[in-house]
Amino acid sequence: MRTALFVGLAGFFGSIARYGIAGLVSRTSETFPWGTFVVNVSGAFTLGLLVAMFSHRFVVHPDLRVALTVGFLGAYTTFSTLALETFEFAEVGSIGWATLNVVGSVVAGMLAVWLGTELGRTL
């Protein structure tokens, strides 16, 4: 229960950070979703950095680790998790799984958006 509260609290701040950063960056361009792009790439970088630091450099309490990675960055962007999991597949030589994860996620996501849009339009 305590861990879930830490994840929720960190997620609160992650979602605020996403809103603020994406909004600030998006003001600079109306032709490309730079806000989302910056949030996704910075989230992927930060997740990689934290996972490496927590695995090889610093011992942190499990509640803090999950609060920062799942809570804050999970609310900031789920792209970071997709990128990390794909990287981990590729790092061990599972290129097929890495490719399936990326392509499958994008295709399934687009299909899900289309289905949700169609359902929403018919209701």
PDB file of N, CA and C in Angstrom:
ATOM      1  N   MET A   1       0.827  -1.196   0.000  1.00  0.00           N
ATOM      2  CA  MET A   1       0.000   0.000   0.000  1.00  0.00           C
ATOM      3  C   MET A   1       0.874   1.263   0.000  1.00  0.00           C
ATOM      4  N   ARG A   2       1.937   1.225   0.815  1.00  0.00           N
ATOM      5  CA  ARG A   2       2.823   2.381   0.904  1.00  0.00           C
ATOM      6  C   ARG A   2       3.473   2.667  -0.454  1.00  0.00           C
ATOM      7  N   THR A   3       3.919   1.615  -1.133  1.00  0.00           N
ATOM      8  CA  THR A   3       4.555   1.778  -2.439  1.00  0.00           C
ATOM      9  C   THR A   3       3.588   2.410  -3.431  1.00  0.00           C
ATOM     10  N   ALA A   4       2.339   1.959  -3.411  1.00  0.00           N
ATOM     11  CA  ALA A   4       1.334   2.516  -4.320  1.00  0.00           C
ATOM     12  C   ALA A   4       1.120   4.006  -4.061  1.00  0.00           C
ATOM     13  N   LEU A   5       1.177   4.411  -2.818  1.00  0.00           N
ATOM     14  CA  LEU A   5       1.040   5.835  -2.496  1.00  0.00           C
ATOM     15  C   LEU A   5       2.222   6.638  -3.032  1.00  0.00           C
ATOM     16  N   PHE A   6       3.431   6.091  -2.899  1.00  0.00           N
ATOM     17  CA  PHE A   6       4.606   6.771  -3.452  1.00  0.00           C
ATOM     18  C   PHE A   6       4.508   6.879  -4.971  1.00  0.00           C
ATOM     19  N   VAL A   7       4.060   5.809  -5.622  1.00  0.00           N
ATOM     20  CA  VAL A   7       3.901   5.830  -7.081  1.00  0.00           C
ATOM     21  C   VAL A   7       2.873   6.890  -7.474  1.00  0.00           C
ATOM     22  N   GLY A   8       1.762   6.935  -6.773  1.00  0.00           N
ATOM     23  CA  GLY A   8       0.724   7.917  -7.066  1.00  0.00           C
ATOM     24  C   GLY A   8       1.194   9.345  -6.852  1.00  0.00           C
ATOM     25  N   LEU A   9       1.910   9.583  -5.772  1.00  0.00           N
ATOM     26  CA  LEU A   9       2.423  10.930  -5.498  1.00  0.00           C
ATOM     27  C   LEU A   9       3.442  11.354  -6.561  1.00  0.00           C
ATOM     28  N   ALA A  10       4.349  10.460  -6.887  1.00  0.00           N
ATOM     29  CA  ALA A  10       5.336  10.770  -7.926  1.00  0.00           C
ATOM     30  C   ALA A  10       4.651  10.943  -9.279  1.00  0.00           C
ATOM     31  N   GLY A  11       3.618  10.146  -9.543  1.00  0.00           N
ATOM     32  CA  GLY A  11       2.858  10.278 -10.785  1.00  0.00           C
ATOM     33  C   GLY A  11       2.172  11.627 -10.886  1.00  0.00           C
ATOM     34  N   PHE A  12       1.711  12.137  -9.766  1.00  0.00           N
ATOM     35  CA  PHE A  12       1.115  13.470  -9.739  1.00  0.00           C
ATOM     36  C   PHE A  12       2.115  14.502 -10.263  1.00  0.00           C
ATOM     37  N   PHE A  13       3.325  14.430  -9.759  1.00  0.00           N
ATOM     38  CA  PHE A  13       4.351  15.390 -10.189  1.00  0.00           C
ATOM     39  C   PHE A  13       4.813  15.129 -11.620  1.00  0.00           C
ATOM     40  N   GLY A  14       4.857  13.865 -12.021  1.00  0.00           N
ATOM     41  CA  GLY A  14       5.225  13.542 -13.401  1.00  0.00           C
ATOM     42  C   GLY A  14       4.227  14.087 -14.407  1.00  0.00           C
ATOM     43  N   SER A  15       2.963  13.982 -14.082  1.00  0.00           N
ATOM     44  CA  SER A  15       1.947  14.490 -15.010  1.00  0.00           C
ATOM     45  C   SER A  15       1.977  16.020 -15.085  1.00  0.00           C
ATOM     46  N   ILE A  16       2.262  16.665 -13.977  1.00  0.00           N
ATOM     47  CA  ILE A  16       2.397  18.125 -13.988  1.00  0.00           C
ATOM     48  C   ILE A  16       3.618  18.530 -14.808  1.00  0.00           C
ATOM     49  N   ALA A  17       4.706  17.783 -14.656  1.00  0.00           N
ATOM     50  CA  ALA A  17       5.917  18.081 -15.436  1.00  0.00           C
ATOM     51  C   ALA A  17       5.650  17.908 -16.924  1.00  0.00           C
ATOM     52  N   ARG A  18       4.946  16.848 -17.281  1.00  0.00           N
ATOM     53  CA  ARG A  18       4.622  16.635 -18.693  1.00  0.00           C
ATOM     54  C   ARG A  18       3.785  17.799 -19.233  1.00  0.00           C
ATOM     55  N   TYR A  19       2.766  18.171 -18.506  1.00  0.00           N
ATOM     56  CA  TYR A  19       1.892  19.265 -18.921  1.00  0.00           C
ATOM     57  C   TYR A  19       2.694  20.555 -19.106  1.00  0.00           C
ATOM     58  N   GLY A  20       3.527  20.863 -18.152  1.00  0.00           N
ATOM     59  CA  GLY A  20       4.290  22.104 -18.210  1.00  0.00           C
ATOM     60  C   GLY A  20       5.327  22.114 -19.323  1.00  0.00           C
ATOM     61  N   ILE A  21       6.118  21.062 -19.415  1.00  0.00           N
ATOM     62  CA  ILE A  21       7.178  21.019 -20.421  1.00  0.00           C
ATOM     63  C   ILE A  21       6.603  20.925 -21.824  1.00  0.00           C
ATOM     64  N   ALA A  22       5.648  20.028 -22.019  1.00  0.00           N
ATOM     65  CA  ALA A  22       5.049  19.894 -23.356  1.00  0.00           C
ATOM     66  C   ALA A  22       4.374  21.192 -23.777  1.00  0.00           C
ATOM     67  N   GLY A  23       3.696  21.840 -22.852  1.00  0.00           N
ATOM     68  CA  GLY A  23       3.039  23.102 -23.176  1.00  0.00           C
ATOM     69  C   GLY A  23       4.028  24.198 -23.520  1.00  0.00           C
ATOM     70  N   LEU A  24       5.098  24.274 -22.770  1.00  0.00           N
ATOM     71  CA  LEU A  24       6.125  25.283 -23.017  1.00  0.00           C
ATOM     72  C   LEU A  24       6.791  25.065 -24.375  1.00  0.00           C
ATOM     73  N   VAL A  25       7.164  23.841 -24.662  1.00  0.00           N
ATOM     74  CA  VAL A  25       7.841  23.531 -25.922  1.00  0.00           C
ATOM     75  C   VAL A  25       6.881  23.667 -27.100  1.00  0.00           C
ATOM     76  N   SER A  26       5.638  23.276 -26.920  1.00  0.00           N
ATOM     77  CA  SER A  26       4.658  23.317 -28.019  1.00  0.00           C
ATOM     78  C   SER A  26       4.390  24.731 -28.504  1.00  0.00           C
ATOM     79  N   ARG A  27       4.618  25.708 -27.675  1.00  0.00           N
ATOM     80  CA  ARG A  27       4.396  27.099 -28.078  1.00  0.00           C
ATOM     81  C   ARG A  27       5.351  27.548 -29.173  1.00  0.00           C
ATOM     82  N   THR A  28       6.434  26.799 -29.365  1.00  0.00           N
ATOM     83  CA  THR A  28       7.446  27.212 -30.342  1.00  0.00           C
ATOM     84  C   THR A  28       7.138  26.743 -31.758  1.00  0.00           C
ATOM     85  N   SER A  29       6.202  25.813 -31.927  1.00  0.00           N
ATOM     86  CA  SER A  29       5.934  25.290 -33.271  1.00  0.00           C
ATOM     87  C   SER A  29       4.500  24.791 -33.367  1.00  0.00           C
ATOM     88  N   GLU A  30       3.883  25.084 -34.473  1.00  0.00           N
ATOM     89  CA  GLU A  30       2.537  24.581 -34.727  1.00  0.00           C
ATOM     90  C   GLU A  30       2.531  23.526 -35.828  1.00  0.00           C
ATOM     91  N   THR A  31       3.710  23.221 -36.377  1.00  0.00           N
ATOM     92  CA  THR A  31       3.771  22.279 -37.493  1.00  0.00           C
ATOM     93  C   THR A  31       4.150  20.870 -37.073  1.00  0.00           C
ATOM     94  N   PHE A  32       4.746  20.693 -35.901  1.00  0.00           N
ATOM     95  CA  PHE A  32       5.172  19.379 -35.425  1.00  0.00           C
ATOM     96  C   PHE A  32       4.950  19.326 -33.925  1.00  0.00           C
ATOM     97  N   PRO A  33       4.539  18.182 -33.387  1.00  0.00           N
ATOM     98  CA  PRO A  33       4.277  18.087 -31.939  1.00  0.00           C
ATOM     99  C   PRO A  33       5.566  18.008 -31.123  1.00  0.00           C
ATOM    100  N   TRP A  34       6.337  19.092 -31.131  1.00  0.00           N
ATOM    101  CA  TRP A  34       7.616  19.106 -30.445  1.00  0.00           C
ATOM    102  C   TRP A  34       7.481  18.884 -28.946  1.00  0.00           C
ATOM    103  N   GLY A  35       6.402  19.342 -28.350  1.00  0.00           N
ATOM    104  CA  GLY A  35       6.223  19.140 -26.913  1.00  0.00           C
ATOM    105  C   GLY A  35       6.206  17.670 -26.556  1.00  0.00           C
ATOM    106  N   THR A  36       5.411  16.905 -27.278  1.00  0.00           N
ATOM    107  CA  THR A  36       5.340  15.457 -27.045  1.00  0.00           C
ATOM    108  C   THR A  36       6.675  14.803 -27.349  1.00  0.00           C
ATOM    109  N   PHE A  37       7.303  15.220 -28.435  1.00  0.00           N
ATOM    110  CA  PHE A  37       8.592  14.664 -28.831  1.00  0.00           C
ATOM    111  C   PHE A  37       9.634  14.887 -27.726  1.00  0.00           C
ATOM    112  N   VAL A  38       9.725  16.107 -27.233  1.00  0.00           N
ATOM    113  CA  VAL A  38      10.701  16.428 -26.193  1.00  0.00           C
ATOM    114  C   VAL A  38      10.419  15.643 -24.915  1.00  0.00           C
ATOM    115  N   VAL A  39       9.163  15.565 -24.528  1.00  0.00           N
ATOM    116  CA  VAL A  39       8.801  14.815 -23.325  1.00  0.00           C
ATOM    117  C   VAL A  39       9.157  13.340 -23.487  1.00  0.00           C
ATOM    118  N   ASN A  40       8.815  12.746 -24.617  1.00  0.00           N
ATOM    119  CA  ASN A  40       9.104  11.331 -24.823  1.00  0.00           C
ATOM    120  C   ASN A  40      10.596  11.037 -24.830  1.00  0.00           C
ATOM    121  N   VAL A  41      11.366  11.843 -25.536  1.00  0.00           N
ATOM    122  CA  VAL A  41      12.807  11.598 -25.613  1.00  0.00           C
ATOM    123  C   VAL A  41      13.479  11.881 -24.273  1.00  0.00           C
ATOM    124  N   SER A  42      13.102  12.957 -23.610  1.00  0.00           N
ATOM    125  CA  SER A  42      13.709  13.250 -22.314  1.00  0.00           C
ATOM    126  C   SER A  42      13.308  12.205 -21.269  1.00  0.00           C
ATOM    127  N   GLY A  43      12.096  11.697 -21.368  1.00  0.00           N
ATOM    128  CA  GLY A  43      11.675  10.637 -20.454  1.00  0.00           C
ATOM    129  C   GLY A  43      12.447   9.351 -20.685  1.00  0.00           C
ATOM    130  N   ALA A  44      12.684   9.004 -21.939  1.00  0.00           N
ATOM    131  CA  ALA A  44      13.462   7.804 -22.259  1.00  0.00           C
ATOM    132  C   ALA A  44      14.897   7.954 -21.749  1.00  0.00           C
ATOM    133  N   PHE A  45      15.493   9.127 -21.963  1.00  0.00           N
ATOM    134  CA  PHE A  45      16.841   9.387 -21.470  1.00  0.00           C
ATOM    135  C   PHE A  45      16.893   9.258 -19.948  1.00  0.00           C
ATOM    136  N   THR A  46      15.946   9.883 -19.277  1.00  0.00           N
ATOM    137  CA  THR A  46      15.933   9.877 -17.819  1.00  0.00           C
ATOM    138  C   THR A  46      15.718   8.473 -17.264  1.00  0.00           C
ATOM    139  N   LEU A  47      14.839   7.698 -17.887  1.00  0.00           N
ATOM    140  CA  LEU A  47      14.626   6.328 -17.421  1.00  0.00           C
ATOM    141  C   LEU A  47      15.893   5.498 -17.592  1.00  0.00           C
ATOM    142  N   GLY A  48      16.547   5.617 -18.735  1.00  0.00           N
ATOM    143  CA  GLY A  48      17.808   4.896 -18.936  1.00  0.00           C
ATOM    144  C   GLY A  48      18.853   5.295 -17.908  1.00  0.00           C
ATOM    145  N   LEU A  49      18.966   6.591 -17.658  1.00  0.00           N
ATOM    146  CA  LEU A  49      19.913   7.106 -16.680  1.00  0.00           C
ATOM    147  C   LEU A  49      19.627   6.551 -15.289  1.00  0.00           C
ATOM    148  N   LEU A  50      18.372   6.619 -14.857  1.00  0.00           N
ATOM    149  CA  LEU A  50      18.017   6.145 -13.520  1.00  0.00           C
ATOM    150  C   LEU A  50      18.207   4.643 -13.366  1.00  0.00           C
ATOM    151  N   VAL A  51      17.782   3.875 -14.362  1.00  0.00           N
ATOM    152  CA  VAL A  51      17.931   2.419 -14.277  1.00  0.00           C
ATOM    153  C   VAL A  51      19.408   2.046 -14.179  1.00  0.00           C
ATOM    154  N   ALA A  52      20.248   2.693 -14.984  1.00  0.00           N
ATOM    155  CA  ALA A  52      21.683   2.409 -14.927  1.00  0.00           C
ATOM    156  C   ALA A  52      22.273   2.817 -13.578  1.00  0.00           C
ATOM    157  N   MET A  53      21.910   3.993 -13.103  1.00  0.00           N
ATOM    158  CA  MET A  53      22.446   4.465 -11.821  1.00  0.00           C
ATOM    159  C   MET A  53      21.983   3.581 -10.666  1.00  0.00           C
ATOM    160  N   PHE A  54      20.724   3.201 -10.685  1.00  0.00           N
ATOM    161  CA  PHE A  54      20.193   2.386  -9.597  1.00  0.00           C
ATOM    162  C   PHE A  54      20.700   0.950  -9.665  1.00  0.00           C
ATOM    163  N   SER A  55      21.100   0.508 -10.845  1.00  0.00           N
ATOM    164  CA  SER A  55      21.598  -0.858 -11.000  1.00  0.00           C
ATOM    165  C   SER A  55      23.100  -0.970 -10.768  1.00  0.00           C
ATOM    166  N   HIS A  56      23.845   0.110 -11.071  1.00  0.00           N
ATOM    167  CA  HIS A  56      25.304   0.007 -11.067  1.00  0.00           C
ATOM    168  C   HIS A  56      26.017   0.984 -10.140  1.00  0.00           C
ATOM    169  N   ARG A  57      25.359   2.039  -9.705  1.00  0.00           N
ATOM    170  CA  ARG A  57      26.056   3.072  -8.951  1.00  0.00           C
ATOM    171  C   ARG A  57      25.515   3.283  -7.542  1.00  0.00           C
ATOM    172  N   PHE A  58      24.214   3.339  -7.415  1.00  0.00           N
ATOM    173  CA  PHE A  58      23.617   3.714  -6.144  1.00  0.00           C
ATOM    174  C   PHE A  58      22.607   2.670  -5.690  1.00  0.00           C
ATOM    175  N   VAL A  59      22.585   2.444  -4.395  1.00  0.00           N
ATOM    176  CA  VAL A  59      21.551   1.601  -3.817  1.00  0.00           C
ATOM    177  C   VAL A  59      20.468   2.538  -3.306  1.00  0.00           C
ATOM    178  N   VAL A  60      19.270   2.389  -3.840  1.00  0.00           N
ATOM    179  CA  VAL A  60      18.153   3.222  -3.397  1.00  0.00           C
ATOM    180  C   VAL A  60      17.048   2.321  -2.864  1.00  0.00           C
ATOM    181  N   HIS A  61      16.268   2.881  -2.012  1.00  0.00           N
ATOM    182  CA  HIS A  61      15.141   2.133  -1.453  1.00  0.00           C
ATOM    183  C   HIS A  61      14.202   1.728  -2.589  1.00  0.00           C
ATOM    184  N   PRO A  62      13.687   0.502  -2.574  1.00  0.00           N
ATOM    185  CA  PRO A  62      12.789   0.059  -3.645  1.00  0.00           C
ATOM    186  C   PRO A  62      11.588   0.976  -3.854  1.00  0.00           C
ATOM    187  N   ASP A  63      11.077   1.571  -2.781  1.00  0.00           N
ATOM    188  CA  ASP A  63       9.948   2.500  -2.927  1.00  0.00           C
ATOM    189  C   ASP A  63      10.340   3.734  -3.735  1.00  0.00           C
ATOM    190  N   LEU A  64      11.542   4.235  -3.509  1.00  0.00           N
ATOM    191  CA  LEU A  64      12.009   5.401  -4.259  1.00  0.00           C
ATOM    192  C   LEU A  64      12.242   5.031  -5.720  1.00  0.00           C
ATOM    193  N   ARG A  65      12.835   3.871  -5.953  1.00  0.00           N
ATOM    194  CA  ARG A  65      13.086   3.425  -7.330  1.00  0.00           C
ATOM    195  C   ARG A  65      11.786   3.326  -8.119  1.00  0.00           C
ATOM    196  N   VAL A  66      10.787   2.668  -7.567  1.00  0.00           N
ATOM    197  CA  VAL A  66       9.515   2.494  -8.280  1.00  0.00           C
ATOM    198  C   VAL A  66       8.755   3.814  -8.364  1.00  0.00           C
ATOM    199  N   ALA A  67       8.883   4.668  -7.363  1.00  0.00           N
ATOM    200  CA  ALA A  67       8.208   5.962  -7.413  1.00  0.00           C
ATOM    201  C   ALA A  67       8.763   6.807  -8.560  1.00  0.00           C
ATOM    202  N   LEU A  68      10.069   6.820  -8.724  1.00  0.00           N
ATOM    203  CA  LEU A  68      10.679   7.624  -9.780  1.00  0.00           C
ATOM    204  C   LEU A  68      10.469   7.023 -11.169  1.00  0.00           C
ATOM    205  N   THR A  69      10.644   5.703 -11.291  1.00  0.00           N
ATOM    206  CA  THR A  69      10.565   5.083 -12.615  1.00  0.00           C
ATOM    207  C   THR A  69       9.125   4.843 -13.059  1.00  0.00           C
ATOM    208  N   VAL A  70       8.347   4.187 -12.237  1.00  0.00           N
ATOM    209  CA  VAL A  70       6.960   3.874 -12.605  1.00  0.00           C
ATOM    210  C   VAL A  70       6.048   5.073 -12.361  1.00  0.00           C
ATOM    211  N   GLY A  71       6.212   5.712 -11.217  1.00  0.00           N
ATOM    212  CA  GLY A  71       5.340   6.832 -10.862  1.00  0.00           C
ATOM    213  C   GLY A  71       5.611   8.087 -11.673  1.00  0.00           C
ATOM    214  N   PHE A  72       6.770   8.721 -11.408  1.00  0.00           N
ATOM    215  CA  PHE A  72       7.057   9.989 -12.076  1.00  0.00           C
ATOM    216  C   PHE A  72       7.173   9.814 -13.585  1.00  0.00           C
ATOM    217  N   LEU A  73       8.078   8.932 -14.022  1.00  0.00           N
ATOM    218  CA  LEU A  73       8.291   8.789 -15.461  1.00  0.00           C
ATOM    219  C   LEU A  73       7.129   8.086 -16.154  1.00  0.00           C
ATOM    220  N   GLY A  74       6.415   7.233 -15.434  1.00  0.00           N
ATOM    221  CA  GLY A  74       5.231   6.600 -16.007  1.00  0.00           C
ATOM    222  C   GLY A  74       4.144   7.612 -16.313  1.00  0.00           C
ATOM    223  N   ALA A  75       4.028   8.612 -15.462  1.00  0.00           N
ATOM    224  CA  ALA A  75       3.051   9.674 -15.719  1.00  0.00           C
ATOM    225  C   ALA A  75       3.603  10.692 -16.709  1.00  0.00           C
ATOM    226  N   TYR A  76       4.905  10.883 -16.667  1.00  0.00           N
ATOM    227  CA  TYR A  76       5.554  11.830 -17.577  1.00  0.00           C
ATOM    228  C   TYR A  76       5.454  11.313 -19.008  1.00  0.00           C
ATOM    229  N   THR A  77       5.741  10.027 -19.206  1.00  0.00           N
ATOM    230  CA  THR A  77       5.631   9.407 -20.524  1.00  0.00           C
ATOM    231  C   THR A  77       5.737   7.899 -20.414  1.00  0.00           C
ATOM    232  N   THR A  78       4.862   7.178 -21.105  1.00  0.00           N
ATOM    233  CA  THR A  78       5.025   5.725 -21.163  1.00  0.00           C
ATOM    234  C   THR A  78       5.954   5.336 -22.303  1.00  0.00           C
ATOM    235  N   PHE A  79       6.266   6.279 -23.170  1.00  0.00           N
ATOM    236  CA  PHE A  79       7.221   6.013 -24.241  1.00  0.00           C
ATOM    237  C   PHE A  79       8.569   5.605 -23.676  1.00  0.00           C
ATOM    238  N   SER A  80       8.937   6.186 -22.532  1.00  0.00           N
ATOM    239  CA  SER A  80      10.231   5.861 -21.945  1.00  0.00           C
ATOM    240  C   SER A  80      10.312   4.379 -21.598  1.00  0.00           C
ATOM    241  N   THR A  81       9.239   3.806 -21.109  1.00  0.00           N
ATOM    242  CA  THR A  81       9.229   2.387 -20.786  1.00  0.00           C
ATOM    243  C   THR A  81       9.312   1.548 -22.049  1.00  0.00           C
ATOM    244  N   LEU A  82       8.574   1.911 -23.079  1.00  0.00           N
ATOM    245  CA  LEU A  82       8.655   1.208 -24.368  1.00  0.00           C
ATOM    246  C   LEU A  82      10.086   1.242 -24.892  1.00  0.00           C
ATOM    247  N   ALA A  83      10.725   2.400 -24.825  1.00  0.00           N
ATOM    248  CA  ALA A  83      12.096   2.531 -25.309  1.00  0.00           C
ATOM    249  C   ALA A  83      13.056   1.675 -24.493  1.00  0.00           C
ATOM    250  N   LEU A  84      12.922   1.680 -23.171  1.00  0.00           N
ATOM    251  CA  LEU A  84      13.806   0.889 -22.321  1.00  0.00           C
ATOM    252  C   LEU A  84      13.628  -0.597 -22.583  1.00  0.00           C
ATOM    253  N   GLU A  85      12.397  -1.060 -22.626  1.00  0.00           N
ATOM    254  CA  GLU A  85      12.153  -2.489 -22.846  1.00  0.00           C
ATOM    255  C   GLU A  85      12.663  -2.931 -24.218  1.00  0.00           C
ATOM    256  N   THR A  86      12.511  -2.089 -25.219  1.00  0.00           N
ATOM    257  CA  THR A  86      13.023  -2.404 -26.549  1.00  0.00           C
ATOM    258  C   THR A  86      14.541  -2.435 -26.529  1.00  0.00           C
ATOM    259  N   PHE A  87      15.164  -1.488 -25.863  1.00  0.00           N
ATOM    260  CA  PHE A  87      16.616  -1.460 -25.717  1.00  0.00           C
ATOM    261  C   PHE A  87      17.116  -2.725 -25.033  1.00  0.00           C
ATOM    262  N   GLU A  88      16.432  -3.148 -23.974  1.00  0.00           N
ATOM    263  CA  GLU A  88      16.851  -4.350 -23.247  1.00  0.00           C
ATOM    264  C   GLU A  88      16.778  -5.584 -24.141  1.00  0.00           C
ATOM    265  N   PHE A  89      15.744  -5.690 -24.982  1.00  0.00           N
ATOM    266  CA  PHE A  89      15.680  -6.780 -25.950  1.00  0.00           C
ATOM    267  C   PHE A  89      16.884  -6.731 -26.891  1.00  0.00           C
ATOM    268  N   ALA A  90      17.132  -5.554 -27.450  1.00  0.00           N
ATOM    269  CA  ALA A  90      18.230  -5.402 -28.410  1.00  0.00           C
ATOM    270  C   ALA A  90      19.579  -5.653 -27.759  1.00  0.00           C
ATOM    271  N   GLU A  91      19.738  -5.220 -26.533  1.00  0.00           N
ATOM    272  CA  GLU A  91      21.007  -5.364 -25.832  1.00  0.00           C
ATOM    273  C   GLU A  91      21.414  -6.825 -25.659  1.00  0.00           C
ATOM    274  N   VAL A  92      20.438  -7.713 -25.506  1.00  0.00           N
ATOM    275  CA  VAL A  92      20.747  -9.141 -25.357  1.00  0.00           C
ATOM    276  C   VAL A  92      20.643  -9.889 -26.682  1.00  0.00           C
ATOM    277  N   GLY A  93      20.488  -9.136 -27.768  1.00  0.00           N
ATOM    278  CA  GLY A  93      20.477  -9.745 -29.092  1.00  0.00           C
ATOM    279  C   GLY A  93      19.122 -10.211 -29.586  1.00  0.00           C
ATOM    280  N   SER A  94      18.064  -9.872 -28.879  1.00  0.00           N
ATOM    281  CA  SER A  94      16.716 -10.278 -29.289  1.00  0.00           C
ATOM    282  C   SER A  94      16.118  -9.213 -30.206  1.00  0.00           C
ATOM    283  N   ILE A  95      16.723  -9.081 -31.388  1.00  0.00           N
ATOM    284  CA  ILE A  95      16.314  -8.042 -32.331  1.00  0.00           C
ATOM    285  C   ILE A  95      14.875  -8.263 -32.801  1.00  0.00           C
ATOM    286  N   GLY A  96      14.487  -9.515 -32.977  1.00  0.00           N
ATOM    287  CA  GLY A  96      13.110  -9.815 -33.388  1.00  0.00           C
ATOM    288  C   GLY A  96      12.100  -9.321 -32.377  1.00  0.00           C
ATOM    289  N   TRP A  97      12.374  -9.575 -31.088  1.00  0.00           N
ATOM    290  CA  TRP A  97      11.467  -9.102 -30.039  1.00  0.00           C
ATOM    291  C   TRP A  97      11.480  -7.580 -29.948  1.00  0.00           C
ATOM    292  N   ALA A  98      12.658  -6.984 -30.117  1.00  0.00           N
ATOM    293  CA  ALA A  98      12.755  -5.523 -30.088  1.00  0.00           C
ATOM    294  C   ALA A  98      11.929  -4.912 -31.212  1.00  0.00           C
ATOM    295  N   THR A  99      12.071  -5.472 -32.403  1.00  0.00           N
ATOM    296  CA  THR A  99      11.315  -4.969 -33.554  1.00  0.00           C
ATOM    297  C   THR A  99       9.825  -5.164 -33.356  1.00  0.00           C
ATOM    298  N   LEU A 100       9.444  -6.350 -32.897  1.00  0.00           N
ATOM    299  CA  LEU A 100       8.028  -6.624 -32.646  1.00  0.00           C
ATOM    300  C   LEU A 100       7.465  -5.662 -31.604  1.00  0.00           C
ATOM    301  N   ASN A 101       8.248  -5.360 -30.578  1.00  0.00           N
ATOM    302  CA  ASN A 101       7.777  -4.454 -29.537  1.00  0.00           C
ATOM    303  C   ASN A 101       7.502  -3.058 -30.103  1.00  0.00           C
ATOM    304  N   VAL A 102       8.415  -2.544 -30.911  1.00  0.00           N
ATOM    305  CA  VAL A 102       8.238  -1.207 -31.477  1.00  0.00           C
ATOM    306  C   VAL A 102       7.114  -1.187 -32.502  1.00  0.00           C
ATOM    307  N   VAL A 103       7.233  -2.060 -33.500  1.00  0.00           N
ATOM    308  CA  VAL A 103       6.245  -2.065 -34.586  1.00  0.00           C
ATOM    309  C   VAL A 103       4.868  -2.455 -34.051  1.00  0.00           C
ATOM    310  N   GLY A 104       4.837  -3.480 -33.217  1.00  0.00           N
ATOM    311  CA  GLY A 104       3.565  -3.928 -32.657  1.00  0.00           C
ATOM    312  C   GLY A 104       2.904  -2.858 -31.819  1.00  0.00           C
ATOM    313  N   SER A 105       3.683  -2.153 -31.017  1.00  0.00           N
ATOM    314  CA  SER A 105       3.124  -1.093 -30.176  1.00  0.00           C
ATOM    315  C   SER A 105       2.566   0.055 -31.005  1.00  0.00           C
ATOM    316  N   VAL A 106       3.311   0.450 -32.035  1.00  0.00           N
ATOM    317  CA  VAL A 106       2.845   1.557 -32.877  1.00  0.00           C
ATOM    318  C   VAL A 106       1.605   1.141 -33.668  1.00  0.00           C
ATOM    319  N   VAL A 107       1.659  -0.028 -34.290  1.00  0.00           N
ATOM    320  CA  VAL A 107       0.523  -0.479 -35.106  1.00  0.00           C
ATOM    321  C   VAL A 107      -0.700  -0.726 -34.224  1.00  0.00           C
ATOM    322  N   ALA A 108      -0.516  -1.429 -33.107  1.00  0.00           N
ATOM    323  CA  ALA A 108      -1.650  -1.687 -32.211  1.00  0.00           C
ATOM    324  C   ALA A 108      -2.192  -0.385 -31.629  1.00  0.00           C
ATOM    325  N   GLY A 109      -1.286   0.551 -31.314  1.00  0.00           N
ATOM    326  CA  GLY A 109      -1.728   1.842 -30.801  1.00  0.00           C
ATOM    327  C   GLY A 109      -2.543   2.618 -31.817  1.00  0.00           C
ATOM    328  N   MET A 110      -2.080   2.630 -33.059  1.00  0.00           N
ATOM    329  CA  MET A 110      -2.824   3.320 -34.121  1.00  0.00           C
ATOM    330  C   MET A 110      -4.184   2.655 -34.345  1.00  0.00           C
ATOM    331  N   LEU A 111      -4.204   1.329 -34.339  1.00  0.00           N
ATOM    332  CA  LEU A 111      -5.458   0.601 -34.500  1.00  0.00           C
ATOM    333  C   LEU A 111      -6.406   0.913 -33.341  1.00  0.00           C
ATOM    334  N   ALA A 112      -5.858   0.952 -32.125  1.00  0.00           N
ATOM    335  CA  ALA A 112      -6.686   1.252 -30.958  1.00  0.00           C
ATOM    336  C   ALA A 112      -7.261   2.667 -31.031  1.00  0.00           C
ATOM    337  N   VAL A 113      -6.450   3.622 -31.483  1.00  0.00           N
ATOM    338  CA  VAL A 113      -6.946   4.999 -31.650  1.00  0.00           C
ATOM    339  C   VAL A 113      -8.058   5.028 -32.686  1.00  0.00           C
ATOM    340  N   TRP A 114      -7.855   4.344 -33.791  1.00  0.00           N
ATOM    341  CA  TRP A 114      -8.873   4.310 -34.841  1.00  0.00           C
ATOM    342  C   TRP A 114     -10.163   3.672 -34.321  1.00  0.00           C
ATOM    343  N   LEU A 115     -10.055   2.525 -33.640  1.00  0.00           N
ATOM    344  CA  LEU A 115     -11.250   1.864 -33.104  1.00  0.00           C
ATOM    345  C   LEU A 115     -11.956   2.745 -32.075  1.00  0.00           C
ATOM    346  N   GLY A 116     -11.174   3.365 -31.183  1.00  0.00           N
ATOM    347  CA  GLY A 116     -11.775   4.248 -30.192  1.00  0.00           C
ATOM    348  C   GLY A 116     -12.455   5.446 -30.835  1.00  0.00           C
ATOM    349  N   THR A 117     -11.823   5.992 -31.866  1.00  0.00           N
ATOM    350  CA  THR A 117     -12.405   7.132 -32.582  1.00  0.00           C
ATOM    351  C   THR A 117     -13.712   6.728 -33.261  1.00  0.00           C
ATOM    352  N   GLU A 118     -13.696   5.587 -33.922  1.00  0.00           N
ATOM    353  CA  GLU A 118     -14.911   5.113 -34.585  1.00  0.00           C
ATOM    354  C   GLU A 118     -16.021   4.844 -33.583  1.00  0.00           C
ATOM    355  N   LEU A 119     -15.694   4.210 -32.466  1.00  0.00           N
ATOM    356  CA  LEU A 119     -16.699   3.950 -31.439  1.00  0.00           C
ATOM    357  C   LEU A 119     -17.242   5.262 -30.890  1.00  0.00           C
ATOM    358  N   GLY A 120     -16.338   6.204 -30.602  1.00  0.00           N
ATOM    359  CA  GLY A 120     -16.750   7.498 -30.084  1.00  0.00           C
ATOM    360  C   GLY A 120     -17.654   8.257 -31.030  1.00  0.00           C
ATOM    361  N   ARG A 121     -17.413   8.108 -32.312  1.00  0.00           N
ATOM    362  CA  ARG A 121     -18.232   8.815 -33.312  1.00  0.00           C
ATOM    363  C   ARG A 121     -19.619   8.184 -33.450  1.00  0.00           C
ATOM    364  N   THR A 122     -19.746   6.912 -33.127  1.00  0.00           N
ATOM    365  CA  THR A 122     -21.041   6.237 -33.283  1.00  0.00           C
ATOM    366  C   THR A 122     -21.911   6.311 -32.024  1.00  0.00           C
ATOM    367  N   LEU A 123     -21.319   6.671 -30.908  1.00  0.00           N
ATOM    368  CA  LEU A 123     -22.109   6.714 -29.663  1.00  0.00           C
ATOM    369  C   LEU A 123     -22.963   7.964 -29.571  1.00  0.00           C
TER     370      LEU A 123
END
